[in-house]
Amino acid sequence: GKTIVITGPTSGLGEQVARQLALTGANLVLVARNEEKCARVIDEIAPLCTGNKPVFVRAEMGDLESVRSACTAIQEQFTHIDVLIHNAGALLNTRQMSPQGIEQTVASHVVGPFLMTTLLLPLLNGGRVVTVSSGGMYTSALPALDKGETLEMPAQKYGGSKQYAIAKRAQVTLNEMWAAREPQIKFVSMHPGWADTPGVQESIPGFRRVTAPILRSSSEGADTIAWLAVVSPLPKASGTFWSDREVRPTHKTSQTRKSDTPGTRKALWALLVNQVEPFTDNH
């Protein structure tokens, strides 16, 4: 009977999360950019659903106008959301720009989800937000935004894996900041482990070849996401980072730990508030 919003539900981890949560009696709201792909998922999981038939809402998470439209559609259909799962995103090997002129990885993993959380806060009171990050974030420090650095890699230095790691680091930091700012909502982020998803197959085939013996299935990778969505009460504090149903440290090196300063955090929050502000009017 609870309402769960999932972004990126048409393949990989997101599709598996939808399948696992369909069995719980939840009412699923599937936020995807491709209606045809989402219709296939809905047709496949509808027989599993003990709640209502899943609802499709269109959004391209890197397009802030599209995110705003999706949030309006959700607000028109629902008065309360129990869980919001930020799962959408991709690792891009070439530098692309969002319609608002933001590097696409940062737009879809950081700015779009920040806007969606902001707009849906009134519906989430007493609810939970689950952000699917990645262990790749351990390789990246938070850029010194208070000293002129940016989240977006310039074209001449662009590397898809590095940009992805920066975005994933920002997600985990923001998860902690949201938890401190909105105590009435539980915020958790997580690393699904290295799963053999379509994203891994397409974006980092070399990594997949090397790690093939230890890659887990999408279903195994989705387990902790689905569990964090439904476990009650949440076993640990809001703001925590999880993997395999256990809380994990957010830093593994002194270099990334040193980068995580109050000044950088303040600058990160201010940057995002500034980027989403034009899309939060009338809310």
C-alpha atoms as a PDB file:
ATOM      1  CA  GLY A   1       0.000   0.000   0.000  1.00  0.00           C
ATOM      2  CA  LYS A   2       3.002   2.348   0.122  1.00  0.00           C
ATOM      3  CA  THR A   3       3.939   4.553  -2.842  1.00  0.00           C
ATOM      4  CA  ILE A   4       7.477   4.129  -4.179  1.00  0.00           C
ATOM      5  CA  VAL A   5       8.949   6.297  -6.963  1.00  0.00           C
ATOM      6  CA  ILE A   6      11.838   4.720  -8.918  1.00  0.00           C
ATOM      7  CA  THR A   7      13.898   6.565 -11.536  1.00  0.00           C
ATOM      8  CA  GLY A   8      15.662   4.598 -14.274  1.00  0.00           C
ATOM      9  CA  PRO A   9      13.457   1.470 -14.057  1.00  0.00           C
ATOM     10  CA  THR A  10      13.741   0.191 -17.646  1.00  0.00           C
ATOM     11  CA  SER A  11      16.936  -1.899 -17.370  1.00  0.00           C
ATOM     12  CA  GLY A  12      19.661  -3.092 -15.031  1.00  0.00           C
ATOM     13  CA  LEU A  13      19.375  -2.330 -11.331  1.00  0.00           C
ATOM     14  CA  GLY A  14      16.266  -0.149 -11.634  1.00  0.00           C
ATOM     15  CA  GLU A  15      14.289  -2.836 -13.435  1.00  0.00           C
ATOM     16  CA  GLN A  16      15.303  -5.432 -10.842  1.00  0.00           C
ATOM     17  CA  VAL A  17      14.343  -3.110  -7.970  1.00  0.00           C
ATOM     18  CA  ALA A  18      10.925  -2.635  -9.564  1.00  0.00           C
ATOM     19  CA  ARG A  19      10.523  -6.414  -9.892  1.00  0.00           C
ATOM     20  CA  GLN A  20      11.524  -7.010  -6.262  1.00  0.00           C
ATOM     21  CA  LEU A  21       9.283  -4.252  -4.895  1.00  0.00           C
ATOM     22  CA  ALA A  22       6.310  -5.357  -7.032  1.00  0.00           C
ATOM     23  CA  LEU A  23       6.071  -8.413  -4.788  1.00  0.00           C
ATOM     24  CA  THR A  24       5.724  -6.301  -1.618  1.00  0.00           C
ATOM     25  CA  GLY A  25       2.351  -4.754  -2.406  1.00  0.00           C
ATOM     26  CA  ALA A  26       3.855  -1.320  -3.052  1.00  0.00           C
ATOM     27  CA  ASN A  27       2.302   1.089  -5.545  1.00  0.00           C
ATOM     28  CA  LEU A  28       5.133   1.751  -7.998  1.00  0.00           C
ATOM     29  CA  VAL A  29       5.671   5.003  -9.896  1.00  0.00           C
ATOM     30  CA  LEU A  30       8.218   4.361 -12.646  1.00  0.00           C
ATOM     31  CA  VAL A  31      10.014   7.488 -13.887  1.00  0.00           C
ATOM     32  CA  ALA A  32      11.651   6.857 -17.268  1.00  0.00           C
ATOM     33  CA  ARG A  33      12.472   8.746 -20.436  1.00  0.00           C
ATOM     34  CA  ASN A  34      11.363   5.949 -22.801  1.00  0.00           C
ATOM     35  CA  GLU A  35       7.659   5.139 -22.536  1.00  0.00           C
ATOM     36  CA  GLU A  36       7.928   2.068 -24.785  1.00  0.00           C
ATOM     37  CA  LYS A  37      10.652   0.453 -22.651  1.00  0.00           C
ATOM     38  CA  CYS A  38       8.775   1.329 -19.468  1.00  0.00           C
ATOM     39  CA  ALA A  39       5.543  -0.172 -20.850  1.00  0.00           C
ATOM     40  CA  ARG A  40       7.405  -3.461 -21.396  1.00  0.00           C
ATOM     41  CA  VAL A  41       8.578  -3.473 -17.764  1.00  0.00           C
ATOM     42  CA  ILE A  42       5.085  -2.621 -16.514  1.00  0.00           C
ATOM     43  CA  ASP A  43       3.548  -5.425 -18.611  1.00  0.00           C
ATOM     44  CA  GLU A  44       6.104  -7.902 -17.250  1.00  0.00           C
ATOM     45  CA  ILE A  45       5.809  -6.960 -13.583  1.00  0.00           C
ATOM     46  CA  ALA A  46       2.062  -6.179 -13.428  1.00  0.00           C
ATOM     47  CA  PRO A  47       1.217  -9.897 -12.846  1.00  0.00           C
ATOM     48  CA  LEU A  48       3.639  -9.861  -9.874  1.00  0.00           C
ATOM     49  CA  CYS A  49       2.089  -6.773  -8.329  1.00  0.00           C
ATOM     50  CA  THR A  50      -0.068  -7.202  -5.266  1.00  0.00           C
ATOM     51  CA  GLY A  51      -0.540  -3.417  -5.207  1.00  0.00           C
ATOM     52  CA  ASN A  52      -1.898  -1.270  -8.018  1.00  0.00           C
ATOM     53  CA  LYS A  53      -0.594  -1.528 -11.568  1.00  0.00           C
ATOM     54  CA  PRO A  54       2.642   0.518 -11.868  1.00  0.00           C
ATOM     55  CA  VAL A  55       2.267   4.080 -13.135  1.00  0.00           C
ATOM     56  CA  PHE A  56       4.565   5.571 -15.815  1.00  0.00           C
ATOM     57  CA  VAL A  57       5.847   9.149 -15.529  1.00  0.00           C
ATOM     58  CA  ARG A  58       8.103  10.543 -18.241  1.00  0.00           C
ATOM     59  CA  ALA A  59      11.357  12.307 -17.311  1.00  0.00           C
ATOM     60  CA  GLU A  60      14.863  12.736 -18.622  1.00  0.00           C
ATOM     61  CA  MET A  61      16.716  13.215 -15.316  1.00  0.00           C
ATOM     62  CA  GLY A  62      19.409  15.389 -16.901  1.00  0.00           C
ATOM     63  CA  ASP A  63      16.820  17.869 -18.249  1.00  0.00           C
ATOM     64  CA  LEU A  64      15.602  20.080 -15.410  1.00  0.00           C
ATOM     65  CA  GLU A  65      12.470  21.170 -17.290  1.00  0.00           C
ATOM     66  CA  SER A  66      11.588  17.509 -17.791  1.00  0.00           C
ATOM     67  CA  VAL A  67      12.212  16.761 -14.086  1.00  0.00           C
ATOM     68  CA  ARG A  68       9.924  19.625 -13.097  1.00  0.00           C
ATOM     69  CA  SER A  69       7.155  18.316 -15.389  1.00  0.00           C
ATOM     70  CA  ALA A  70       7.519  14.826 -13.916  1.00  0.00           C
ATOM     71  CA  CYS A  71       7.254  16.163 -10.370  1.00  0.00           C
ATOM     72  CA  THR A  72       4.114  18.100 -11.305  1.00  0.00           C
ATOM     73  CA  ALA A  73       2.609  14.884 -12.731  1.00  0.00           C
ATOM     74  CA  ILE A  74       3.465  12.998  -9.522  1.00  0.00           C
ATOM     75  CA  GLN A  75       2.006  15.780  -7.351  1.00  0.00           C
ATOM     76  CA  GLU A  76      -1.225  15.674  -9.355  1.00  0.00           C
ATOM     77  CA  GLN A  77      -1.641  11.922  -8.806  1.00  0.00           C
ATOM     78  CA  PHE A  78      -0.333  11.401  -5.261  1.00  0.00           C
ATOM     79  CA  THR A  79      -0.627  13.225  -1.946  1.00  0.00           C
ATOM     80  CA  HIS A  80       2.135  11.242  -0.241  1.00  0.00           C
ATOM     81  CA  ILE A  81       5.286   9.373  -1.303  1.00  0.00           C
ATOM     82  CA  ASP A  82       6.779   6.807   1.058  1.00  0.00           C
ATOM     83  CA  VAL A  83      10.026   6.191  -0.837  1.00  0.00           C
ATOM     84  CA  LEU A  84      11.916   7.995  -3.620  1.00  0.00           C
ATOM     85  CA  ILE A  85      14.674   5.905  -5.244  1.00  0.00           C
ATOM     86  CA  HIS A  86      17.244   7.854  -7.285  1.00  0.00           C
ATOM     87  CA  ASN A  87      18.657   5.210  -9.608  1.00  0.00           C
ATOM     88  CA  ALA A  88      18.697   6.761 -13.106  1.00  0.00           C
ATOM     89  CA  GLY A  89      21.999   7.638 -14.729  1.00  0.00           C
ATOM     90  CA  ALA A  90      24.745   6.447 -17.025  1.00  0.00           C
ATOM     91  CA  LEU A  91      28.511   6.485 -17.445  1.00  0.00           C
ATOM     92  CA  LEU A  92      29.231   8.468 -20.630  1.00  0.00           C
ATOM     93  CA  ASN A  93      32.502   8.035 -22.495  1.00  0.00           C
ATOM     94  CA  THR A  94      32.156  11.331 -24.366  1.00  0.00           C
ATOM     95  CA  ARG A  95      31.397  14.753 -22.901  1.00  0.00           C
ATOM     96  CA  GLN A  96      27.768  15.697 -23.510  1.00  0.00           C
ATOM     97  CA  MET A  97      25.717  18.665 -22.369  1.00  0.00           C
ATOM     98  CA  SER A  98      22.241  18.827 -20.877  1.00  0.00           C
ATOM     99  CA  PRO A  99      19.567  21.173 -22.288  1.00  0.00           C
ATOM    100  CA  GLN A 100      20.493  23.613 -19.490  1.00  0.00           C
ATOM    101  CA  GLY A 101      24.186  23.575 -20.460  1.00  0.00           C
ATOM    102  CA  ILE A 102      25.368  21.329 -17.598  1.00  0.00           C
ATOM    103  CA  GLU A 103      27.702  18.384 -18.254  1.00  0.00           C
ATOM    104  CA  GLN A 104      25.313  15.437 -18.714  1.00  0.00           C
ATOM    105  CA  THR A 105      26.683  13.101 -16.010  1.00  0.00           C
ATOM    106  CA  VAL A 106      26.484  15.839 -13.370  1.00  0.00           C
ATOM    107  CA  ALA A 107      23.054  16.906 -14.658  1.00  0.00           C
ATOM    108  CA  SER A 108      21.483  13.438 -14.500  1.00  0.00           C
ATOM    109  CA  HIS A 109      23.165  12.103 -11.345  1.00  0.00           C
ATOM    110  CA  VAL A 110      23.401  15.240  -9.206  1.00  0.00           C
ATOM    111  CA  VAL A 111      21.375  18.259 -10.349  1.00  0.00           C
ATOM    112  CA  GLY A 112      18.255  16.451 -11.625  1.00  0.00           C
ATOM    113  CA  PRO A 113      17.890  14.307  -8.479  1.00  0.00           C
ATOM    114  CA  PHE A 114      18.513  17.387  -6.287  1.00  0.00           C
ATOM    115  CA  LEU A 115      15.666  19.193  -8.070  1.00  0.00           C
ATOM    116  CA  MET A 116      13.351  16.162  -7.819  1.00  0.00           C
ATOM    117  CA  THR A 117      14.040  15.781  -4.090  1.00  0.00           C
ATOM    118  CA  THR A 118      13.452  19.504  -3.553  1.00  0.00           C
ATOM    119  CA  LEU A 119      10.124  19.508  -5.407  1.00  0.00           C
ATOM    120  CA  LEU A 120       8.846  16.294  -3.815  1.00  0.00           C
ATOM    121  CA  LEU A 121       9.854  17.159  -0.209  1.00  0.00           C
ATOM    122  CA  PRO A 122       6.281  18.132   0.792  1.00  0.00           C
ATOM    123  CA  LEU A 123       5.045  14.674  -0.281  1.00  0.00           C
ATOM    124  CA  LEU A 124       7.906  12.820   1.442  1.00  0.00           C
ATOM    125  CA  ASN A 125       7.190  13.809   5.052  1.00  0.00           C
ATOM    126  CA  GLY A 126       7.907  10.712   7.153  1.00  0.00           C
ATOM    127  CA  GLY A 127       9.243   8.948   4.053  1.00  0.00           C
ATOM    128  CA  ARG A 128      12.605   7.881   2.768  1.00  0.00           C
ATOM    129  CA  VAL A 129      15.014   8.761  -0.071  1.00  0.00           C
ATOM    130  CA  VAL A 130      17.402   6.091  -1.393  1.00  0.00           C
ATOM    131  CA  THR A 131      20.246   7.201  -3.688  1.00  0.00           C
ATOM    132  CA  VAL A 132      22.049   4.569  -5.764  1.00  0.00           C
ATOM    133  CA  SER A 133      25.682   5.691  -5.791  1.00  0.00           C
ATOM    134  CA  SER A 134      28.733   3.599  -6.677  1.00  0.00           C
ATOM    135  CA  GLY A 135      31.939   2.342  -5.113  1.00  0.00           C
ATOM    136  CA  GLY A 136      33.585   4.334  -7.894  1.00  0.00           C
ATOM    137  CA  MET A 137      33.098   7.369  -5.654  1.00  0.00           C
ATOM    138  CA  TYR A 138      35.926   6.081  -3.416  1.00  0.00           C
ATOM    139  CA  THR A 139      38.380   7.049  -6.176  1.00  0.00           C
ATOM    140  CA  SER A 140      37.328  10.702  -6.231  1.00  0.00           C
ATOM    141  CA  ALA A 141      37.646  13.618  -3.870  1.00  0.00           C
ATOM    142  CA  LEU A 142      34.953  16.274  -3.736  1.00  0.00           C
ATOM    143  CA  PRO A 143      36.197  19.136  -5.967  1.00  0.00           C
ATOM    144  CA  ALA A 144      37.179  22.251  -3.990  1.00  0.00           C
ATOM    145  CA  LEU A 145      34.135  24.232  -5.115  1.00  0.00           C
ATOM    146  CA  ASP A 146      34.920  26.964  -2.583  1.00  0.00           C
ATOM    147  CA  LYS A 147      38.306  27.465  -4.292  1.00  0.00           C
ATOM    148  CA  GLY A 148      37.194  27.702  -7.895  1.00  0.00           C
ATOM    149  CA  GLU A 149      37.055  24.024  -8.863  1.00  0.00           C
ATOM    150  CA  THR A 150      33.891  22.623 -10.487  1.00  0.00           C
ATOM    151  CA  LEU A 151      31.974  19.345 -10.582  1.00  0.00           C
ATOM    152  CA  GLU A 152      32.207  19.390 -14.382  1.00  0.00           C
ATOM    153  CA  MET A 153      35.383  18.193 -16.108  1.00  0.00           C
ATOM    154  CA  PRO A 154      36.509  20.408 -19.022  1.00  0.00           C
ATOM    155  CA  ALA A 155      36.407  18.980 -22.558  1.00  0.00           C
ATOM    156  CA  GLN A 156      40.215  18.758 -22.907  1.00  0.00           C
ATOM    157  CA  LYS A 157      40.571  16.682 -19.711  1.00  0.00           C
ATOM    158  CA  TYR A 158      37.308  14.762 -19.891  1.00  0.00           C
ATOM    159  CA  GLY A 159      37.223  11.142 -18.761  1.00  0.00           C
ATOM    160  CA  GLY A 160      33.898   9.347 -18.431  1.00  0.00           C
ATOM    161  CA  SER A 161      34.864   7.153 -15.467  1.00  0.00           C
ATOM    162  CA  LYS A 162      36.413  10.074 -13.572  1.00  0.00           C
ATOM    163  CA  GLN A 163      33.404  12.330 -14.188  1.00  0.00           C
ATOM    164  CA  TYR A 164      31.104   9.508 -13.025  1.00  0.00           C
ATOM    165  CA  ALA A 165      33.155   9.083  -9.822  1.00  0.00           C
ATOM    166  CA  ILE A 166      32.942  12.831  -9.066  1.00  0.00           C
ATOM    167  CA  ALA A 167      29.151  12.768  -9.537  1.00  0.00           C
ATOM    168  CA  LYS A 168      28.819   9.690  -7.318  1.00  0.00           C
ATOM    169  CA  ARG A 169      30.962  11.342  -4.604  1.00  0.00           C
ATOM    170  CA  ALA A 170      28.700  14.412  -4.748  1.00  0.00           C
ATOM    171  CA  GLN A 171      25.612  12.170  -4.353  1.00  0.00           C
ATOM    172  CA  VAL A 172      26.952  10.628  -1.136  1.00  0.00           C
ATOM    173  CA  THR A 173      27.921  14.024   0.315  1.00  0.00           C
ATOM    174  CA  LEU A 174      24.496  15.457  -0.528  1.00  0.00           C
ATOM    175  CA  ASN A 175      22.815  12.445   1.082  1.00  0.00           C
ATOM    176  CA  GLU A 176      24.505  13.397   4.372  1.00  0.00           C
ATOM    177  CA  MET A 177      23.561  17.059   3.948  1.00  0.00           C
ATOM    178  CA  TRP A 178      19.911  16.296   3.170  1.00  0.00           C
ATOM    179  CA  ALA A 179      19.746  14.095   6.287  1.00  0.00           C
ATOM    180  CA  ALA A 180      20.966  16.979   8.464  1.00  0.00           C
ATOM    181  CA  ARG A 181      18.571  19.485   6.870  1.00  0.00           C
ATOM    182  CA  GLU A 182      15.383  17.388   6.709  1.00  0.00           C
ATOM    183  CA  PRO A 183      15.136  15.284   9.896  1.00  0.00           C
ATOM    184  CA  GLN A 184      11.530  14.311   9.162  1.00  0.00           C
ATOM    185  CA  ILE A 185      12.723  12.253   6.151  1.00  0.00           C
ATOM    186  CA  LYS A 186      15.259   9.378   6.160  1.00  0.00           C
ATOM    187  CA  PHE A 187      18.065   9.674   3.587  1.00  0.00           C
ATOM    188  CA  VAL A 188      20.341   6.775   2.647  1.00  0.00           C
ATOM    189  CA  SER A 189      22.837   6.189  -0.167  1.00  0.00           C
ATOM    190  CA  MET A 190      24.355   2.909  -1.252  1.00  0.00           C
ATOM    191  CA  HIS A 191      26.861   1.031  -3.426  1.00  0.00           C
ATOM    192  CA  PRO A 192      25.213  -1.907  -5.227  1.00  0.00           C
ATOM    193  CA  GLY A 193      28.485  -3.781  -5.704  1.00  0.00           C
ATOM    194  CA  TRP A 194      29.871  -4.371  -9.175  1.00  0.00           C
ATOM    195  CA  ALA A 195      26.928  -5.784 -11.087  1.00  0.00           C
ATOM    196  CA  ASP A 196      26.804  -7.010 -14.690  1.00  0.00           C
ATOM    197  CA  THR A 197      24.337  -4.356 -15.823  1.00  0.00           C
ATOM    198  CA  PRO A 198      23.801  -3.035 -19.374  1.00  0.00           C
ATOM    199  CA  GLY A 199      25.573   0.149 -18.230  1.00  0.00           C
ATOM    200  CA  VAL A 200      28.731  -1.770 -17.286  1.00  0.00           C
ATOM    201  CA  GLN A 201      28.574  -3.805 -20.510  1.00  0.00           C
ATOM    202  CA  GLU A 202      28.311  -0.712 -22.718  1.00  0.00           C
ATOM    203  CA  SER A 203      30.394   1.891 -20.861  1.00  0.00           C
ATOM    204  CA  ILE A 204      33.318  -0.026 -19.346  1.00  0.00           C
ATOM    205  CA  PRO A 205      33.726  -3.279 -21.322  1.00  0.00           C
ATOM    206  CA  GLY A 206      37.407  -3.565 -20.327  1.00  0.00           C
ATOM    207  CA  PHE A 207      36.493  -3.409 -16.642  1.00  0.00           C
ATOM    208  CA  ARG A 208      33.801  -6.021 -17.261  1.00  0.00           C
ATOM    209  CA  ARG A 209      36.269  -8.412 -18.928  1.00  0.00           C
ATOM    210  CA  VAL A 210      38.718  -8.167 -16.016  1.00  0.00           C
ATOM    211  CA  THR A 211      36.099  -8.427 -13.264  1.00  0.00           C
ATOM    212  CA  ALA A 212      33.798 -10.990 -14.943  1.00  0.00           C
ATOM    213  CA  PRO A 213      34.448 -13.690 -12.308  1.00  0.00           C
ATOM    214  CA  ILE A 214      33.280 -11.471  -9.442  1.00  0.00           C
ATOM    215  CA  LEU A 215      30.499  -9.455 -11.097  1.00  0.00           C
ATOM    216  CA  ARG A 216      27.120  -9.999  -9.494  1.00  0.00           C
ATOM    217  CA  SER A 217      23.796 -10.126 -11.310  1.00  0.00           C
ATOM    218  CA  SER A 218      21.552  -7.066 -11.567  1.00  0.00           C
ATOM    219  CA  SER A 219      19.157  -8.817  -9.195  1.00  0.00           C
ATOM    220  CA  GLU A 220      21.912  -9.243  -6.573  1.00  0.00           C
ATOM    221  CA  GLY A 221      22.970  -5.619  -7.056  1.00  0.00           C
ATOM    222  CA  ALA A 222      19.382  -4.467  -6.568  1.00  0.00           C
ATOM    223  CA  ASP A 223      18.923  -6.345  -3.282  1.00  0.00           C
ATOM    224  CA  THR A 224      20.184  -3.630  -0.916  1.00  0.00           C
ATOM    225  CA  ILE A 225      18.300  -0.910  -2.831  1.00  0.00           C
ATOM    226  CA  ALA A 226      14.981  -2.723  -2.407  1.00  0.00           C
ATOM    227  CA  TRP A 227      15.828  -3.632   1.197  1.00  0.00           C
ATOM    228  CA  LEU A 228      16.657  -0.014   2.106  1.00  0.00           C
ATOM    229  CA  ALA A 229      13.334   1.030   0.577  1.00  0.00           C
ATOM    230  CA  VAL A 230      11.243  -1.263   2.783  1.00  0.00           C
ATOM    231  CA  VAL A 231      13.155  -2.232   5.953  1.00  0.00           C
ATOM    232  CA  SER A 232      11.338  -0.792   8.958  1.00  0.00           C
ATOM    233  CA  PRO A 233      12.556   0.842  10.987  1.00  0.00           C
ATOM    234  CA  LEU A 234      15.755   1.891   9.228  1.00  0.00           C
ATOM    235  CA  PRO A 235      18.421   0.054  11.292  1.00  0.00           C
ATOM    236  CA  LYS A 236      20.920   2.950  11.340  1.00  0.00           C
ATOM    237  CA  ALA A 237      20.874   6.742  11.228  1.00  0.00           C
ATOM    238  CA  SER A 238      19.678   8.865   8.340  1.00  0.00           C
ATOM    239  CA  GLY A 239      22.552  10.020   6.114  1.00  0.00           C
ATOM    240  CA  THR A 240      24.361   6.675   6.128  1.00  0.00           C
ATOM    241  CA  PHE A 241      26.052   4.925   3.168  1.00  0.00           C
ATOM    242  CA  TRP A 242      25.337   1.211   2.645  1.00  0.00           C
ATOM    243  CA  SER A 243      26.517  -1.861   0.766  1.00  0.00           C
ATOM    244  CA  ASP A 244      25.233  -5.426   1.170  1.00  0.00           C
ATOM    245  CA  ARG A 245      22.805  -4.322   3.903  1.00  0.00           C
ATOM    246  CA  GLU A 246      25.640  -2.924   6.051  1.00  0.00           C
ATOM    247  CA  VAL A 247      26.720   0.651   6.757  1.00  0.00           C
ATOM    248  CA  ARG A 248      30.065   1.412   5.080  1.00  0.00           C
ATOM    249  CA  PRO A 249      32.576   4.260   5.429  1.00  0.00           C
ATOM    250  CA  THR A 250      32.262   7.076   2.905  1.00  0.00           C
ATOM    251  CA  HIS A 251      36.055   7.521   2.570  1.00  0.00           C
ATOM    252  CA  LYS A 252      38.849   4.998   2.118  1.00  0.00           C
ATOM    253  CA  THR A 253      41.768   7.401   1.617  1.00  0.00           C
ATOM    254  CA  SER A 254      42.981  10.432   3.536  1.00  0.00           C
ATOM    255  CA  GLN A 255      43.062  12.400   0.273  1.00  0.00           C
ATOM    256  CA  THR A 256      39.288  12.181  -0.303  1.00  0.00           C
ATOM    257  CA  ARG A 257      38.608  12.688   3.412  1.00  0.00           C
ATOM    258  CA  LYS A 258      40.664  15.912   3.465  1.00  0.00           C
ATOM    259  CA  SER A 259      38.723  17.297   0.492  1.00  0.00           C
ATOM    260  CA  ASP A 260      35.439  16.965   2.381  1.00  0.00           C
ATOM    261  CA  THR A 261      35.484  20.314   4.195  1.00  0.00           C
ATOM    262  CA  PRO A 262      32.607  22.452   5.527  1.00  0.00           C
ATOM    263  CA  GLY A 263      33.520  25.108   2.955  1.00  0.00           C
ATOM    264  CA  THR A 264      33.306  22.659   0.054  1.00  0.00           C
ATOM    265  CA  ARG A 265      29.989  21.316   1.311  1.00  0.00           C
ATOM    266  CA  LYS A 266      28.528  24.787   1.690  1.00  0.00           C
ATOM    267  CA  ALA A 267      29.658  25.662  -1.845  1.00  0.00           C
ATOM    268  CA  LEU A 268      28.181  22.418  -3.240  1.00  0.00           C
ATOM    269  CA  TRP A 269      24.784  23.132  -1.690  1.00  0.00           C
ATOM    270  CA  ALA A 270      24.810  26.762  -2.884  1.00  0.00           C
ATOM    271  CA  LEU A 271      25.763  25.680  -6.418  1.00  0.00           C
ATOM    272  CA  LEU A 272      22.854  23.252  -6.644  1.00  0.00           C
ATOM    273  CA  VAL A 273      20.304  25.614  -5.117  1.00  0.00           C
ATOM    274  CA  ASN A 274      21.376  28.172  -7.719  1.00  0.00           C
ATOM    275  CA  GLN A 275      21.109  25.684 -10.607  1.00  0.00           C
ATOM    276  CA  VAL A 276      17.627  24.427  -9.693  1.00  0.00           C
ATOM    277  CA  GLU A 277      16.157  27.752  -8.567  1.00  0.00           C
ATOM    278  CA  PRO A 278      14.599  28.647 -11.956  1.00  0.00           C
ATOM    279  CA  PHE A 279      12.699  25.335 -11.838  1.00  0.00           C
ATOM    280  CA  THR A 280      11.384  25.591  -8.278  1.00  0.00           C
ATOM    281  CA  ASP A 281       9.216  28.682  -8.811  1.00  0.00           C
ATOM    282  CA  ASN A 282       5.499  28.213  -8.162  1.00  0.00           C
ATOM    283  CA  HIS A 283       6.203  25.341  -5.758  1.00  0.00           C
END
